[in-house]
């Protein structure tokens, strides 16, 4: 039974590492921070972050492909949102780190 438990923990650690690699970029962290309060369009994200559209779109695609973000179309607009709001707790965790 211990082998199964260790395997599940290892699988979970791999998933955590993959998510951390995905968000480990200042632009992606800023996007997550902006999306923490509500869904946004690319235009809204550009305005909130002062980052050009092509760069925002590049990072949105990477995070969506890895399951951090989801999107949906409403009329002419595509809205992006966090798949799980718990990911924003990383900011609280990092605030408490003495080495930052």
Protein backbone atom coordinates (compact mmCIF):
# COMPACT_ATOMS: atom_id res chain seq x y z
CA UNK A 1 0.00 0.00 0.00
CA UNK A 2 2.89 2.37 0.71
CA UNK A 3 4.16 1.96 -2.85
CA UNK A 4 0.84 3.20 -4.26
CA UNK A 5 0.82 6.17 -1.88
CA UNK A 6 4.39 7.11 -2.80
CA UNK A 7 3.52 6.81 -6.50
CA UNK A 8 0.54 9.13 -6.11
CA UNK A 9 2.65 11.64 -4.23
CA UNK A 10 5.31 11.45 -6.95
CA UNK A 11 2.66 12.00 -9.62
CA UNK A 12 1.30 14.98 -7.72
CA UNK A 13 4.80 16.42 -7.32
CA UNK A 14 5.35 16.11 -11.07
CA UNK A 15 2.09 17.97 -11.73
CA UNK A 16 3.03 20.71 -9.23
CA UNK A 17 6.45 21.07 -10.87
CA UNK A 18 4.83 21.35 -14.29
CA UNK A 19 2.44 24.08 -13.10
CA UNK A 20 5.28 25.97 -11.38
CA UNK A 21 7.37 25.82 -14.57
CA UNK A 22 4.38 27.12 -16.51
CA UNK A 23 3.79 30.15 -14.30
CA UNK A 24 7.46 30.89 -13.56
CA UNK A 25 7.67 34.04 -15.65
CA UNK A 26 7.02 37.65 -14.56
CA UNK A 27 4.47 38.26 -17.34
CA UNK A 28 2.55 35.08 -16.50
CA UNK A 29 2.55 35.91 -12.81
CA UNK A 30 1.21 39.38 -13.63
CA UNK A 31 -1.54 37.85 -15.80
CA UNK A 32 -2.51 35.52 -12.95
CA UNK A 33 -2.56 38.44 -10.54
CA UNK A 34 -4.83 40.46 -12.87
CA UNK A 35 -7.13 37.49 -13.45
CA UNK A 36 -7.41 36.82 -9.73
CA UNK A 37 -10.35 39.19 -9.35
CA UNK A 38 -12.28 38.52 -12.56
CA UNK A 39 -12.26 37.21 -16.13
CA UNK A 40 -10.64 39.50 -18.71
CA UNK A 41 -10.28 39.91 -22.47
CA UNK A 42 -6.89 40.25 -24.12
CA UNK A 43 -7.54 43.99 -24.48
CA UNK A 44 -8.32 44.30 -20.78
CA UNK A 45 -5.20 42.33 -19.92
CA UNK A 46 -3.12 44.60 -22.16
CA UNK A 47 -4.49 47.65 -20.39
CA UNK A 48 -4.01 46.20 -16.92
CA UNK A 49 -0.46 45.00 -17.54
CA UNK A 50 0.87 47.52 -20.10
CA UNK A 51 2.14 44.57 -22.16
CA UNK A 52 1.70 44.34 -25.93
CA UNK A 53 -0.93 42.06 -27.44
CA UNK A 54 1.41 39.56 -29.11
CA UNK A 55 3.30 38.93 -25.87
CA UNK A 56 0.10 38.63 -23.80
CA UNK A 57 -1.35 36.20 -26.36
CA UNK A 58 1.81 34.07 -26.34
CA UNK A 59 1.68 33.67 -22.56
CA UNK A 60 -2.09 33.10 -22.50
CA UNK A 61 -1.73 30.23 -24.98
CA UNK A 62 1.04 28.58 -22.94
CA UNK A 63 -0.96 28.83 -19.70
CA UNK A 64 -4.15 27.63 -21.36
CA UNK A 65 -2.33 24.64 -22.91
CA UNK A 66 -1.03 23.64 -19.45
CA UNK A 67 -4.48 23.94 -17.83
CA UNK A 68 -3.84 27.06 -15.75
CA UNK A 69 -6.33 29.19 -17.73
CA UNK A 70 -9.53 28.58 -19.62
CA UNK A 71 -11.26 30.78 -22.17
CA UNK A 72 -14.64 31.22 -23.74
CA UNK A 73 -16.12 33.39 -26.44
CA UNK A 74 -18.88 35.87 -25.74
CA UNK A 75 -19.85 37.74 -28.90
CA UNK A 76 -16.67 39.19 -30.41
CA UNK A 77 -14.69 38.87 -27.17
CA UNK A 78 -12.68 35.95 -25.83
CA UNK A 79 -12.52 35.95 -22.04
CA UNK A 80 -9.73 34.33 -20.06
CA UNK A 81 -10.05 33.13 -16.49
CA UNK A 82 -8.16 31.05 -13.98
CA UNK A 83 -9.13 27.39 -13.91
CA UNK A 84 -8.61 27.34 -10.15
CA UNK A 85 -8.42 30.50 -8.02
CA UNK A 86 -6.26 28.69 -5.47
CA UNK A 87 -3.24 29.29 -7.68
CA UNK A 88 -3.23 32.92 -6.50
CA UNK A 89 -2.22 31.70 -3.04
CA UNK A 90 1.29 31.46 -4.40
CA UNK A 91 1.50 35.26 -4.02
CA UNK A 92 0.68 35.00 -0.30
CA UNK A 93 3.21 32.22 0.07
CA UNK A 94 5.94 34.22 -1.65
CA UNK A 95 5.13 37.31 0.44
CA UNK A 96 5.94 35.29 3.55
CA UNK A 97 9.28 34.00 2.24
CA UNK A 98 12.21 35.68 3.94
CA UNK A 99 14.51 35.32 0.94
CA UNK A 100 12.40 37.48 -1.42
